[in-house]
Amino acid sequence: RVCGEDLYHTHSIQYNDLVSFLYCYSIWDHENNCISWDETVEYFQLMDLSPVEILYDGLWDENLIKSLTVDYSKCEGYVVRKADKFSMFEFKNSVAKFVRPDHHHTVIHNLAMANQGINTLK
């Protein structure tokens, strides 16, 4: 199972100059394990899928992560994850999501997409 973010419709901000309307971030195997990040990127390349932008790839360094410069006018946030394979039972301790200040997400997010604009490709 490949997981990704559908960016066809505008979310809480408009995305311009996308390389794809689908940005992928994980692959899960038949036993519900998220495969390692290195394997994930390799499969994305083989399947010609666009990965999410990588802001940092290395050993966990909380101070470095907190110091990352993110232009919140161009993205809604970012996700950090373990580089190693992990099971769905380990998900809550393996992945964290950071969103921009004042980020909003409606309960009827998918229905609301019908009334939103469309993002653009490069």
PDB file of N, CA and C in Angstrom:
ATOM      1  N   ARG A   1       0.845  -1.172   0.000  1.00  0.00           N
ATOM      2  CA  ARG A   1       0.000   0.000   0.000  1.00  0.00           C
ATOM      3  C   ARG A   1       0.890   1.236   0.000  1.00  0.00           C
ATOM      4  N   VAL A   2       0.665   2.102  -0.959  1.00  0.00           N
ATOM      5  CA  VAL A   2       1.390   3.366  -1.048  1.00  0.00           C
ATOM      6  C   VAL A   2       0.500   4.455  -0.470  1.00  0.00           C
ATOM      7  N   CYS A   3       1.050   5.276   0.415  1.00  0.00           N
ATOM      8  CA  CYS A   3       0.296   6.382   1.003  1.00  0.00           C
ATOM      9  C   CYS A   3       0.884   7.698   0.513  1.00  0.00           C
ATOM     10  N   GLY A   4      -0.010   8.650   0.261  1.00  0.00           N
ATOM     11  CA  GLY A   4       0.444   9.947  -0.208  1.00  0.00           C
ATOM     12  C   GLY A   4      -0.593  11.022   0.035  1.00  0.00           C
ATOM     13  N   GLU A   5      -0.205  12.246  -0.243  1.00  0.00           N
ATOM     14  CA  GLU A   5      -1.068  13.408  -0.064  1.00  0.00           C
ATOM     15  C   GLU A   5      -1.580  13.844  -1.429  1.00  0.00           C
ATOM     16  N   ASP A   6      -2.905  13.874  -1.565  1.00  0.00           N
ATOM     17  CA  ASP A   6      -3.551  14.325  -2.796  1.00  0.00           C
ATOM     18  C   ASP A   6      -3.553  15.849  -2.800  1.00  0.00           C
ATOM     19  N   LEU A   7      -2.831  16.445  -3.733  1.00  0.00           N
ATOM     20  CA  LEU A   7      -2.723  17.903  -3.798  1.00  0.00           C
ATOM     21  C   LEU A   7      -3.395  18.496  -5.026  1.00  0.00           C
ATOM     22  N   TYR A   8      -4.347  17.781  -5.600  1.00  0.00           N
ATOM     23  CA  TYR A   8      -5.047  18.311  -6.779  1.00  0.00           C
ATOM     24  C   TYR A   8      -5.829  19.574  -6.420  1.00  0.00           C
ATOM     25  N   HIS A   9      -6.635  19.489  -5.380  1.00  0.00           N
ATOM     26  CA  HIS A   9      -7.402  20.650  -4.932  1.00  0.00           C
ATOM     27  C   HIS A   9      -6.616  21.452  -3.904  1.00  0.00           C
ATOM     28  N   THR A  10      -6.911  22.737  -3.851  1.00  0.00           N
ATOM     29  CA  THR A  10      -6.308  23.606  -2.859  1.00  0.00           C
ATOM     30  C   THR A  10      -6.707  23.149  -1.460  1.00  0.00           C
ATOM     31  N   HIS A  11      -5.750  23.101  -0.559  1.00  0.00           N
ATOM     32  CA  HIS A  11      -6.031  22.780   0.841  1.00  0.00           C
ATOM     33  C   HIS A  11      -6.238  24.100   1.561  1.00  0.00           C
ATOM     34  N   SER A  12      -5.635  24.279   2.702  1.00  0.00           N
ATOM     35  CA  SER A  12      -5.784  25.558   3.399  1.00  0.00           C
ATOM     36  C   SER A  12      -4.913  26.637   2.767  1.00  0.00           C
ATOM     37  N   ILE A  13      -3.993  26.232   1.895  1.00  0.00           N
ATOM     38  CA  ILE A  13      -3.214  27.188   1.102  1.00  0.00           C
ATOM     39  C   ILE A  13      -3.135  26.680  -0.334  1.00  0.00           C
ATOM     40  N   GLN A  14      -2.844  27.571  -1.252  1.00  0.00           N
ATOM     41  CA  GLN A  14      -2.692  27.226  -2.666  1.00  0.00           C
ATOM     42  C   GLN A  14      -1.281  26.729  -2.919  1.00  0.00           C
ATOM     43  N   TYR A  15      -1.154  25.611  -3.627  1.00  0.00           N
ATOM     44  CA  TYR A  15       0.154  25.099  -4.020  1.00  0.00           C
ATOM     45  C   TYR A  15       0.346  25.356  -5.509  1.00  0.00           C
ATOM     46  N   ASN A  16       1.468  25.975  -5.856  1.00  0.00           N
ATOM     47  CA  ASN A  16       1.792  26.253  -7.251  1.00  0.00           C
ATOM     48  C   ASN A  16       3.119  25.584  -7.579  1.00  0.00           C
ATOM     49  N   ASP A  17       3.316  25.262  -8.837  1.00  0.00           N
ATOM     50  CA  ASP A  17       4.573  24.664  -9.299  1.00  0.00           C
ATOM     51  C   ASP A  17       4.848  23.290  -8.699  1.00  0.00           C
ATOM     52  N   LEU A  18       3.814  22.493  -8.541  1.00  0.00           N
ATOM     53  CA  LEU A  18       3.984  21.123  -8.054  1.00  0.00           C
ATOM     54  C   LEU A  18       4.581  20.255  -9.154  1.00  0.00           C
ATOM     55  N   VAL A  19       5.359  19.248  -8.787  1.00  0.00           N
ATOM     56  CA  VAL A  19       5.851  18.300  -9.784  1.00  0.00           C
ATOM     57  C   VAL A  19       4.835  17.195 -10.021  1.00  0.00           C
ATOM     58  N   SER A  20       3.886  17.053  -9.096  1.00  0.00           N
ATOM     59  CA  SER A  20       2.854  16.027  -9.188  1.00  0.00           C
ATOM     60  C   SER A  20       1.686  16.446  -8.305  1.00  0.00           C
ATOM     61  N   PHE A  21       0.516  15.913  -8.584  1.00  0.00           N
ATOM     62  CA  PHE A  21      -0.619  16.149  -7.699  1.00  0.00           C
ATOM     63  C   PHE A  21      -0.642  15.146  -6.544  1.00  0.00           C
ATOM     64  N   LEU A  22       0.247  14.152  -6.578  1.00  0.00           N
ATOM     65  CA  LEU A  22       0.334  13.169  -5.503  1.00  0.00           C
ATOM     66  C   LEU A  22       1.768  13.134  -4.983  1.00  0.00           C
ATOM     67  N   TYR A  23       1.927  13.475  -3.715  1.00  0.00           N
ATOM     68  CA  TYR A  23       3.227  13.397  -3.058  1.00  0.00           C
ATOM     69  C   TYR A  23       3.178  12.238  -2.071  1.00  0.00           C
ATOM     70  N   CYS A  24       4.026  11.247  -2.295  1.00  0.00           N
ATOM     71  CA  CYS A  24       3.986  10.010  -1.511  1.00  0.00           C
ATOM     72  C   CYS A  24       4.914  10.095  -0.311  1.00  0.00           C
ATOM     73  N   TYR A  25       4.523   9.397   0.770  1.00  0.00           N
ATOM     74  CA  TYR A  25       5.323   9.452   1.989  1.00  0.00           C
ATOM     75  C   TYR A  25       5.542   8.114   2.679  1.00  0.00           C
ATOM     76  N   SER A  26       4.840   7.059   2.288  1.00  0.00           N
ATOM     77  CA  SER A  26       5.124   5.766   2.926  1.00  0.00           C
ATOM     78  C   SER A  26       4.615   4.616   2.067  1.00  0.00           C
ATOM     79  N   ILE A  27       5.201   3.452   2.329  1.00  0.00           N
ATOM     80  CA  ILE A  27       4.753   2.201   1.713  1.00  0.00           C
ATOM     81  C   ILE A  27       4.642   1.173   2.833  1.00  0.00           C
ATOM     82  N   TRP A  28       3.531   0.465   2.834  1.00  0.00           N
ATOM     83  CA  TRP A  28       3.246  -0.543   3.858  1.00  0.00           C
ATOM     84  C   TRP A  28       3.210  -1.913   3.205  1.00  0.00           C
ATOM     85  N   ASP A  29       3.824  -2.891   3.866  1.00  0.00           N
ATOM     86  CA  ASP A  29       3.863  -4.242   3.310  1.00  0.00           C
ATOM     87  C   ASP A  29       2.621  -5.049   3.699  1.00  0.00           C
ATOM     88  N   HIS A  30       2.580  -6.295   3.283  1.00  0.00           N
ATOM     89  CA  HIS A  30       1.417  -7.166   3.492  1.00  0.00           C
ATOM     90  C   HIS A  30       1.193  -7.522   4.961  1.00  0.00           C
ATOM     91  N   GLU A  31       2.175  -7.225   5.825  1.00  0.00           N
ATOM     92  CA  GLU A  31       2.023  -7.492   7.262  1.00  0.00           C
ATOM     93  C   GLU A  31       1.777  -6.202   8.052  1.00  0.00           C
ATOM     94  N   ASN A  32       1.395  -5.122   7.354  1.00  0.00           N
ATOM     95  CA  ASN A  32       1.142  -3.808   7.959  1.00  0.00           C
ATOM     96  C   ASN A  32       2.365  -3.213   8.639  1.00  0.00           C
ATOM     97  N   ASN A  33       3.501  -3.369   7.986  1.00  0.00           N
ATOM     98  CA  ASN A  33       4.724  -2.713   8.420  1.00  0.00           C
ATOM     99  C   ASN A  33       5.055  -1.614   7.429  1.00  0.00           C
ATOM    100  N   CYS A  34       5.393  -0.459   7.952  1.00  0.00           N
ATOM    101  CA  CYS A  34       5.884   0.623   7.104  1.00  0.00           C
ATOM    102  C   CYS A  34       7.339   0.290   6.799  1.00  0.00           C
ATOM    103  N   ILE A  35       7.669   0.161   5.515  1.00  0.00           N
ATOM    104  CA  ILE A  35       9.033  -0.211   5.155  1.00  0.00           C
ATOM    105  C   ILE A  35       9.978   0.955   5.443  1.00  0.00           C
ATOM    106  N   SER A  36      11.258   0.687   5.502  1.00  0.00           N
ATOM    107  CA  SER A  36      12.238   1.722   5.840  1.00  0.00           C
ATOM    108  C   SER A  36      12.173   2.873   4.825  1.00  0.00           C
ATOM    109  N   TRP A  37      12.641   4.036   5.252  1.00  0.00           N
ATOM    110  CA  TRP A  37      12.612   5.206   4.374  1.00  0.00           C
ATOM    111  C   TRP A  37      13.475   4.983   3.134  1.00  0.00           C
ATOM    112  N   ASP A  38      14.658   4.390   3.295  1.00  0.00           N
ATOM    113  CA  ASP A  38      15.521   4.145   2.136  1.00  0.00           C
ATOM    114  C   ASP A  38      14.838   3.228   1.118  1.00  0.00           C
ATOM    115  N   GLU A  39      14.189   2.162   1.599  1.00  0.00           N
ATOM    116  CA  GLU A  39      13.448   1.269   0.694  1.00  0.00           C
ATOM    117  C   GLU A  39      12.273   2.006   0.049  1.00  0.00           C
ATOM    118  N   THR A  40      11.620   2.841   0.839  1.00  0.00           N
ATOM    119  CA  THR A  40      10.475   3.610   0.334  1.00  0.00           C
ATOM    120  C   THR A  40      10.895   4.481  -0.834  1.00  0.00           C
ATOM    121  N   VAL A  41      11.975   5.219  -0.669  1.00  0.00           N
ATOM    122  CA  VAL A  41      12.463   6.103  -1.733  1.00  0.00           C
ATOM    123  C   VAL A  41      12.859   5.292  -2.966  1.00  0.00           C
ATOM    124  N   GLU A  42      13.472   4.140  -2.755  1.00  0.00           N
ATOM    125  CA  GLU A  42      13.859   3.275  -3.871  1.00  0.00           C
ATOM    126  C   GLU A  42      12.622   2.825  -4.665  1.00  0.00           C
ATOM    127  N   TYR A  43      11.564   2.408  -3.972  1.00  0.00           N
ATOM    128  CA  TYR A  43      10.327   2.007  -4.646  1.00  0.00           C
ATOM    129  C   TYR A  43       9.665   3.187  -5.359  1.00  0.00           C
ATOM    130  N   PHE A  44       9.672   4.357  -4.726  1.00  0.00           N
ATOM    131  CA  PHE A  44       9.115   5.536  -5.386  1.00  0.00           C
ATOM    132  C   PHE A  44       9.821   5.787  -6.710  1.00  0.00           C
ATOM    133  N   GLN A  45      11.145   5.651  -6.727  1.00  0.00           N
ATOM    134  CA  GLN A  45      11.908   5.849  -7.965  1.00  0.00           C
ATOM    135  C   GLN A  45      11.528   4.803  -9.002  1.00  0.00           C
ATOM    136  N   LEU A  46      11.403   3.542  -8.591  1.00  0.00           N
ATOM    137  CA  LEU A  46      11.035   2.470  -9.515  1.00  0.00           C
ATOM    138  C   LEU A  46       9.636   2.666 -10.098  1.00  0.00           C
ATOM    139  N   MET A  47       8.726   3.225  -9.296  1.00  0.00           N
ATOM    140  CA  MET A  47       7.338   3.423  -9.726  1.00  0.00           C
ATOM    141  C   MET A  47       7.090   4.823 -10.276  1.00  0.00           C
ATOM    142  N   ASP A  48       8.146   5.638 -10.369  1.00  0.00           N
ATOM    143  CA  ASP A  48       8.051   7.012 -10.863  1.00  0.00           C
ATOM    144  C   ASP A  48       7.022   7.824 -10.073  1.00  0.00           C
ATOM    145  N   LEU A  49       7.097   7.711  -8.733  1.00  0.00           N
ATOM    146  CA  LEU A  49       6.219   8.461  -7.837  1.00  0.00           C
ATOM    147  C   LEU A  49       7.019   9.584  -7.189  1.00  0.00           C
ATOM    148  N   SER A  50       6.367  10.697  -6.938  1.00  0.00           N
ATOM    149  CA  SER A  50       7.026  11.842  -6.314  1.00  0.00           C
ATOM    150  C   SER A  50       6.972  11.723  -4.798  1.00  0.00           C
ATOM    151  N   PRO A  51       8.132  11.725  -4.141  1.00  0.00           N
ATOM    152  CA  PRO A  51       8.118  11.718  -2.676  1.00  0.00           C
ATOM    153  C   PRO A  51       7.868  13.124  -2.149  1.00  0.00           C
ATOM    154  N   VAL A  52       7.457  13.205  -0.895  1.00  0.00           N
ATOM    155  CA  VAL A  52       7.362  14.504  -0.247  1.00  0.00           C
ATOM    156  C   VAL A  52       8.757  15.115  -0.215  1.00  0.00           C
ATOM    157  N   GLU A  53       8.817  16.435  -0.075  1.00  0.00           N
ATOM    158  CA  GLU A  53      10.110  17.099   0.013  1.00  0.00           C
ATOM    159  C   GLU A  53      10.818  16.649   1.288  1.00  0.00           C
ATOM    160  N   ILE A  54      12.082  16.377   1.177  1.00  0.00           N
ATOM    161  CA  ILE A  54      12.877  15.951   2.326  1.00  0.00           C
ATOM    162  C   ILE A  54      13.628  17.162   2.862  1.00  0.00           C
ATOM    163  N   LEU A  55      13.298  17.569   4.083  1.00  0.00           N
ATOM    164  CA  LEU A  55      13.950  18.710   4.710  1.00  0.00           C
ATOM    165  C   LEU A  55      15.236  18.310   5.419  1.00  0.00           C
ATOM    166  N   TYR A  56      15.281  17.065   5.897  1.00  0.00           N
ATOM    167  CA  TYR A  56      16.439  16.562   6.619  1.00  0.00           C
ATOM    168  C   TYR A  56      16.373  15.047   6.614  1.00  0.00           C
ATOM    169  N   ASP A  57      17.509  14.396   6.412  1.00  0.00           N
ATOM    170  CA  ASP A  57      17.597  12.937   6.456  1.00  0.00           C
ATOM    171  C   ASP A  57      18.869  12.595   7.211  1.00  0.00           C
ATOM    172  N   GLY A  58      18.714  12.149   8.443  1.00  0.00           N
ATOM    173  CA  GLY A  58      19.878  11.828   9.250  1.00  0.00           C
ATOM    174  C   GLY A  58      19.471  11.407  10.641  1.00  0.00           C
ATOM    175  N   LEU A  59      20.454  11.276  11.524  1.00  0.00           N
ATOM    176  CA  LEU A  59      20.180  10.895  12.902  1.00  0.00           C
ATOM    177  C   LEU A  59      19.292  11.944  13.571  1.00  0.00           C
ATOM    178  N   TRP A  60      18.422  11.471  14.475  1.00  0.00           N
ATOM    179  CA  TRP A  60      17.500  12.376  15.156  1.00  0.00           C
ATOM    180  C   TRP A  60      18.284  13.406  15.968  1.00  0.00           C
ATOM    181  N   ASP A  61      17.952  14.666  15.729  1.00  0.00           N
ATOM    182  CA  ASP A  61      18.559  15.775  16.442  1.00  0.00           C
ATOM    183  C   ASP A  61      17.458  16.796  16.669  1.00  0.00           C
ATOM    184  N   GLU A  62      16.866  16.769  17.861  1.00  0.00           N
ATOM    185  CA  GLU A  62      15.706  17.611  18.128  1.00  0.00           C
ATOM    186  C   GLU A  62      16.005  19.088  17.911  1.00  0.00           C
ATOM    187  N   ASN A  63      17.171  19.547  18.332  1.00  0.00           N
ATOM    188  CA  ASN A  63      17.517  20.962  18.133  1.00  0.00           C
ATOM    189  C   ASN A  63      17.611  21.308  16.657  1.00  0.00           C
ATOM    190  N   LEU A  64      18.203  20.417  15.867  1.00  0.00           N
ATOM    191  CA  LEU A  64      18.295  20.659  14.429  1.00  0.00           C
ATOM    192  C   LEU A  64      16.898  20.704  13.812  1.00  0.00           C
ATOM    193  N   ILE A  65      16.030  19.765  14.195  1.00  0.00           N
ATOM    194  CA  ILE A  65      14.662  19.722  13.658  1.00  0.00           C
ATOM    195  C   ILE A  65      13.930  21.021  13.998  1.00  0.00           C
ATOM    196  N   LYS A  66      14.052  21.462  15.240  1.00  0.00           N
ATOM    197  CA  LYS A  66      13.384  22.698  15.668  1.00  0.00           C
ATOM    198  C   LYS A  66      13.940  23.928  14.955  1.00  0.00           C
ATOM    199  N   SER A  67      15.175  23.840  14.476  1.00  0.00           N
ATOM    200  CA  SER A  67      15.791  24.991  13.816  1.00  0.00           C
ATOM    201  C   SER A  67      15.526  25.035  12.307  1.00  0.00           C
ATOM    202  N   LEU A  68      14.870  24.014  11.773  1.00  0.00           N
ATOM    203  CA  LEU A  68      14.580  24.002  10.336  1.00  0.00           C
ATOM    204  C   LEU A  68      13.757  25.227   9.955  1.00  0.00           C
ATOM    205  N   THR A  69      14.100  25.824   8.852  1.00  0.00           N
ATOM    206  CA  THR A  69      13.343  26.967   8.351  1.00  0.00           C
ATOM    207  C   THR A  69      12.288  26.446   7.383  1.00  0.00           C
ATOM    208  N   VAL A  70      11.029  26.712   7.699  1.00  0.00           N
ATOM    209  CA  VAL A  70       9.920  26.251   6.872  1.00  0.00           C
ATOM    210  C   VAL A  70       9.112  27.466   6.460  1.00  0.00           C
ATOM    211  N   ASP A  71       8.880  27.608   5.165  1.00  0.00           N
ATOM    212  CA  ASP A  71       8.066  28.708   4.655  1.00  0.00           C
ATOM    213  C   ASP A  71       6.608  28.276   4.693  1.00  0.00           C
ATOM    214  N   TYR A  72       5.901  28.657   5.752  1.00  0.00           N
ATOM    215  CA  TYR A  72       4.519  28.221   5.935  1.00  0.00           C
ATOM    216  C   TYR A  72       3.542  28.890   4.974  1.00  0.00           C
ATOM    217  N   SER A  73       4.018  29.813   4.146  1.00  0.00           N
ATOM    218  CA  SER A  73       3.140  30.334   3.096  1.00  0.00           C
ATOM    219  C   SER A  73       3.125  29.373   1.909  1.00  0.00           C
ATOM    220  N   LYS A  74       4.095  28.425   1.904  1.00  0.00           N
ATOM    221  CA  LYS A  74       4.204  27.477   0.800  1.00  0.00           C
ATOM    222  C   LYS A  74       3.946  26.037   1.200  1.00  0.00           C
ATOM    223  N   CYS A  75       3.774  25.781   2.501  1.00  0.00           N
ATOM    224  CA  CYS A  75       3.447  24.425   2.945  1.00  0.00           C
ATOM    225  C   CYS A  75       2.665  24.488   4.251  1.00  0.00           C
ATOM    226  N   GLU A  76       1.884  23.462   4.489  1.00  0.00           N
ATOM    227  CA  GLU A  76       1.039  23.429   5.676  1.00  0.00           C
ATOM    228  C   GLU A  76       1.760  22.850   6.887  1.00  0.00           C
ATOM    229  N   GLY A  77       2.878  22.189   6.666  1.00  0.00           N
ATOM    230  CA  GLY A  77       3.623  21.599   7.766  1.00  0.00           C
ATOM    231  C   GLY A  77       4.568  20.538   7.257  1.00  0.00           C
ATOM    232  N   TYR A  78       5.037  19.714   8.184  1.00  0.00           N
ATOM    233  CA  TYR A  78       5.935  18.627   7.800  1.00  0.00           C
ATOM    234  C   TYR A  78       5.770  17.459   8.763  1.00  0.00           C
ATOM    235  N   VAL A  79       6.310  16.327   8.350  1.00  0.00           N
ATOM    236  CA  VAL A  79       6.215  15.092   9.128  1.00  0.00           C
ATOM    237  C   VAL A  79       7.623  14.574   9.378  1.00  0.00           C
ATOM    238  N   VAL A  80       7.845  14.063  10.573  1.00  0.00           N
ATOM    239  CA  VAL A  80       9.084  13.346  10.860  1.00  0.00           C
ATOM    240  C   VAL A  80       8.718  11.892  11.129  1.00  0.00           C
ATOM    241  N   ARG A  81       9.620  11.007  10.746  1.00  0.00           N
ATOM    242  CA  ARG A  81       9.371   9.573  10.949  1.00  0.00           C
ATOM    243  C   ARG A  81      10.680   8.859  11.193  1.00  0.00           C
ATOM    244  N   LYS A  82      10.580   7.687  11.798  1.00  0.00           N
ATOM    245  CA  LYS A  82      11.753   6.833  11.947  1.00  0.00           C
ATOM    246  C   LYS A  82      12.201   6.394  10.561  1.00  0.00           C
ATOM    247  N   ALA A  83      13.492   6.293  10.376  1.00  0.00           N
ATOM    248  CA  ALA A  83      14.013   5.827   9.090  1.00  0.00           C
ATOM    249  C   ALA A  83      13.874   4.318   8.947  1.00  0.00           C
ATOM    250  N   ASP A  84      13.859   3.616  10.066  1.00  0.00           N
ATOM    251  CA  ASP A  84      13.745   2.160  10.042  1.00  0.00           C
ATOM    252  C   ASP A  84      12.306   1.720   9.811  1.00  0.00           C
ATOM    253  N   LYS A  85      12.157   0.484   9.427  1.00  0.00           N
ATOM    254  CA  LYS A  85      10.846  -0.159   9.294  1.00  0.00           C
ATOM    255  C   LYS A  85      10.150  -0.154  10.656  1.00  0.00           C
ATOM    256  N   PHE A  86       8.817   0.017  10.659  1.00  0.00           N
ATOM    257  CA  PHE A  86       8.063  -0.079  11.906  1.00  0.00           C
ATOM    258  C   PHE A  86       6.669  -0.621  11.618  1.00  0.00           C
ATOM    259  N   SER A  87       6.067  -1.226  12.631  1.00  0.00           N
ATOM    260  CA  SER A  87       4.728  -1.813  12.462  1.00  0.00           C
ATOM    261  C   SER A  87       3.650  -0.769  12.709  1.00  0.00           C
ATOM    262  N   MET A  88       2.427  -1.080  12.288  1.00  0.00           N
ATOM    263  CA  MET A  88       1.323  -0.149  12.518  1.00  0.00           C
ATOM    264  C   MET A  88       1.092   0.068  14.010  1.00  0.00           C
ATOM    265  N   PHE A  89       1.468  -0.897  14.837  1.00  0.00           N
ATOM    266  CA  PHE A  89       1.312  -0.760  16.287  1.00  0.00           C
ATOM    267  C   PHE A  89       2.335   0.219  16.868  1.00  0.00           C
ATOM    268  N   GLU A  90       3.421   0.448  16.138  1.00  0.00           N
ATOM    269  CA  GLU A  90       4.461   1.387  16.571  1.00  0.00           C
ATOM    270  C   GLU A  90       4.272   2.784  15.976  1.00  0.00           C
ATOM    271  N   PHE A  91       3.229   2.962  15.165  1.00  0.00           N
ATOM    272  CA  PHE A  91       3.032   4.213  14.426  1.00  0.00           C
ATOM    273  C   PHE A  91       3.058   5.431  15.339  1.00  0.00           C
ATOM    274  N   LYS A  92       2.308   5.406  16.428  1.00  0.00           N
ATOM    275  CA  LYS A  92       2.195   6.596  17.290  1.00  0.00           C
ATOM    276  C   LYS A  92       3.534   7.001  17.908  1.00  0.00           C
ATOM    277  N   ASN A  93       4.476   6.088  17.979  1.00  0.00           N
ATOM    278  CA  ASN A  93       5.797   6.404  18.512  1.00  0.00           C
ATOM    279  C   ASN A  93       6.859   6.534  17.417  1.00  0.00           C
ATOM    280  N   SER A  94       6.423   6.475  16.154  1.00  0.00           N
ATOM    281  CA  SER A  94       7.366   6.484  15.038  1.00  0.00           C
ATOM    282  C   SER A  94       7.180   7.648  14.088  1.00  0.00           C
ATOM    283  N   VAL A  95       6.055   8.358  14.199  1.00  0.00           N
ATOM    284  CA  VAL A  95       5.718   9.437  13.270  1.00  0.00           C
ATOM    285  C   VAL A  95       5.170  10.627  14.059  1.00  0.00           C
ATOM    286  N   ALA A  96       5.544  11.830  13.646  1.00  0.00           N
ATOM    287  CA  ALA A  96       4.986  13.045  14.249  1.00  0.00           C
ATOM    288  C   ALA A  96       4.736  14.054  13.144  1.00  0.00           C
ATOM    289  N   LYS A  97       3.658  14.799  13.277  1.00  0.00           N
ATOM    290  CA  LYS A  97       3.275  15.799  12.278  1.00  0.00           C
ATOM    291  C   LYS A  97       3.285  17.178  12.922  1.00  0.00           C
ATOM    292  N   PHE A  98       3.886  18.127  12.238  1.00  0.00           N
ATOM    293  CA  PHE A  98       3.927  19.512  12.682  1.00  0.00           C
ATOM    294  C   PHE A  98       3.206  20.370  11.646  1.00  0.00           C
ATOM    295  N   VAL A  99       2.240  21.149  12.078  1.00  0.00           N
ATOM    296  CA  VAL A  99       1.494  21.996  11.147  1.00  0.00           C
ATOM    297  C   VAL A  99       1.758  23.465  11.444  1.00  0.00           C
ATOM    298  N   ARG A 100       1.513  24.283  10.445  1.00  0.00           N
ATOM    299  CA  ARG A 100       1.785  25.713  10.571  1.00  0.00           C
ATOM    300  C   ARG A 100       0.867  26.339  11.618  1.00  0.00           C
ATOM    301  N   PRO A 101       1.286  27.456  12.173  1.00  0.00           N
ATOM    302  CA  PRO A 101       0.415  28.159  13.121  1.00  0.00           C
ATOM    303  C   PRO A 101      -0.908  28.524  12.450  1.00  0.00           C
ATOM    304  N   ASP A 102      -1.986  28.447  13.172  1.00  0.00           N
ATOM    305  CA  ASP A 102      -3.325  28.775  12.680  1.00  0.00           C
ATOM    306  C   ASP A 102      -3.796  27.848  11.558  1.00  0.00           C
ATOM    307  N   HIS A 103      -3.207  26.670  11.467  1.00  0.00           N
ATOM    308  CA  HIS A 103      -3.646  25.688  10.466  1.00  0.00           C
ATOM    309  C   HIS A 103      -5.062  25.244  10.802  1.00  0.00           C
ATOM    310  N   HIS A 104      -5.894  25.097   9.784  1.00  0.00           N
ATOM    311  CA  HIS A 104      -7.242  24.586  10.015  1.00  0.00           C
ATOM    312  C   HIS A 104      -7.511  23.410   9.099  1.00  0.00           C
ATOM    313  N   HIS A 105      -8.273  22.492   9.605  1.00  0.00           N
ATOM    314  CA  HIS A 105      -8.648  21.292   8.856  1.00  0.00           C
ATOM    315  C   HIS A 105     -10.102  21.016   9.185  1.00  0.00           C
ATOM    316  N   THR A 106     -10.945  21.064   8.192  1.00  0.00           N
ATOM    317  CA  THR A 106     -12.368  20.898   8.453  1.00  0.00           C
ATOM    318  C   THR A 106     -12.727  19.437   8.640  1.00  0.00           C
ATOM    319  N   VAL A 107     -13.790  19.197   9.363  1.00  0.00           N
ATOM    320  CA  VAL A 107     -14.282  17.842   9.582  1.00  0.00           C
ATOM    321  C   VAL A 107     -14.737  17.235   8.268  1.00  0.00           C
ATOM    322  N   ILE A 108     -15.289  18.058   7.412  1.00  0.00           N
ATOM    323  CA  ILE A 108     -15.777  17.559   6.113  1.00  0.00           C
ATOM    324  C   ILE A 108     -14.763  17.889   5.017  1.00  0.00           C
ATOM    325  N   HIS A 109     -13.503  17.669   5.334  1.00  0.00           N
ATOM    326  CA  HIS A 109     -12.385  18.009   4.453  1.00  0.00           C
ATOM    327  C   HIS A 109     -12.604  17.529   3.023  1.00  0.00           C
ATOM    328  N   ASN A 110     -12.905  16.258   2.830  1.00  0.00           N
ATOM    329  CA  ASN A 110     -13.040  15.716   1.475  1.00  0.00           C
ATOM    330  C   ASN A 110     -14.217  16.318   0.731  1.00  0.00           C
ATOM    331  N   LEU A 111     -15.320  16.548   1.403  1.00  0.00           N
ATOM    332  CA  LEU A 111     -16.469  17.175   0.755  1.00  0.00           C
ATOM    333  C   LEU A 111     -16.167  18.624   0.395  1.00  0.00           C
ATOM    334  N   ALA A 112     -15.426  19.290   1.236  1.00  0.00           N
ATOM    335  CA  ALA A 112     -15.096  20.690   0.989  1.00  0.00           C
ATOM    336  C   ALA A 112     -14.200  20.853  -0.231  1.00  0.00           C
ATOM    337  N   MET A 113     -13.448  19.827  -0.601  1.00  0.00           N
ATOM    338  CA  MET A 113     -12.546  19.912  -1.743  1.00  0.00           C
ATOM    339  C   MET A 113     -13.284  20.271  -3.032  1.00  0.00           C
ATOM    340  N   ALA A 114     -14.545  19.873  -3.131  1.00  0.00           N
ATOM    341  CA  ALA A 114     -15.316  20.152  -4.342  1.00  0.00           C
ATOM    342  C   ALA A 114     -15.481  21.647  -4.573  1.00  0.00           C
ATOM    343  N   ASN A 115     -15.408  22.446  -3.517  1.00  0.00           N
ATOM    344  CA  ASN A 115     -15.594  23.895  -3.630  1.00  0.00           C
ATOM    345  C   ASN A 115     -14.276  24.664  -3.616  1.00  0.00           C
ATOM    346  N   GLN A 116     -13.162  23.974  -3.612  1.00  0.00           N
ATOM    347  CA  GLN A 116     -11.860  24.605  -3.545  1.00  0.00           C
ATOM    348  C   GLN A 116     -11.282  24.801  -4.949  1.00  0.00           C
ATOM    349  N   GLY A 117     -10.237  25.600  -5.009  1.00  0.00           N
ATOM    350  CA  GLY A 117      -9.527  25.789  -6.267  1.00  0.00           C
ATOM    351  C   GLY A 117      -8.661  24.580  -6.577  1.00  0.00           C
ATOM    352  N   ILE A 118      -7.998  24.671  -7.697  1.00  0.00           N
ATOM    353  CA  ILE A 118      -7.115  23.582  -8.122  1.00  0.00           C
ATOM    354  C   ILE A 118      -5.676  24.096  -8.086  1.00  0.00           C
ATOM    355  N   ASN A 119      -4.776  23.308  -7.509  1.00  0.00           N
ATOM    356  CA  ASN A 119      -3.368  23.649  -7.485  1.00  0.00           C
ATOM    357  C   ASN A 119      -2.781  23.492  -8.880  1.00  0.00           C
ATOM    358  N   THR A 120      -1.574  23.977  -9.086  1.00  0.00           N
ATOM    359  CA  THR A 120      -0.990  23.937 -10.430  1.00  0.00           C
ATOM    360  C   THR A 120       0.331  23.181 -10.452  1.00  0.00           C
ATOM    361  N   LEU A 121       0.616  22.573 -11.582  1.00  0.00           N
ATOM    362  CA  LEU A 121       1.863  21.859 -11.818  1.00  0.00           C
ATOM    363  C   LEU A 121       2.888  22.802 -12.456  1.00  0.00           C
ATOM    364  N   LYS A 122       4.151  22.411 -12.384  1.00  0.00           N
ATOM    365  CA  LYS A 122       5.217  23.184 -13.040  1.00  0.00           C
ATOM    366  C   LYS A 122       5.022  23.147 -14.529  1.00  0.00           C
TER     367      LYS A 122
END
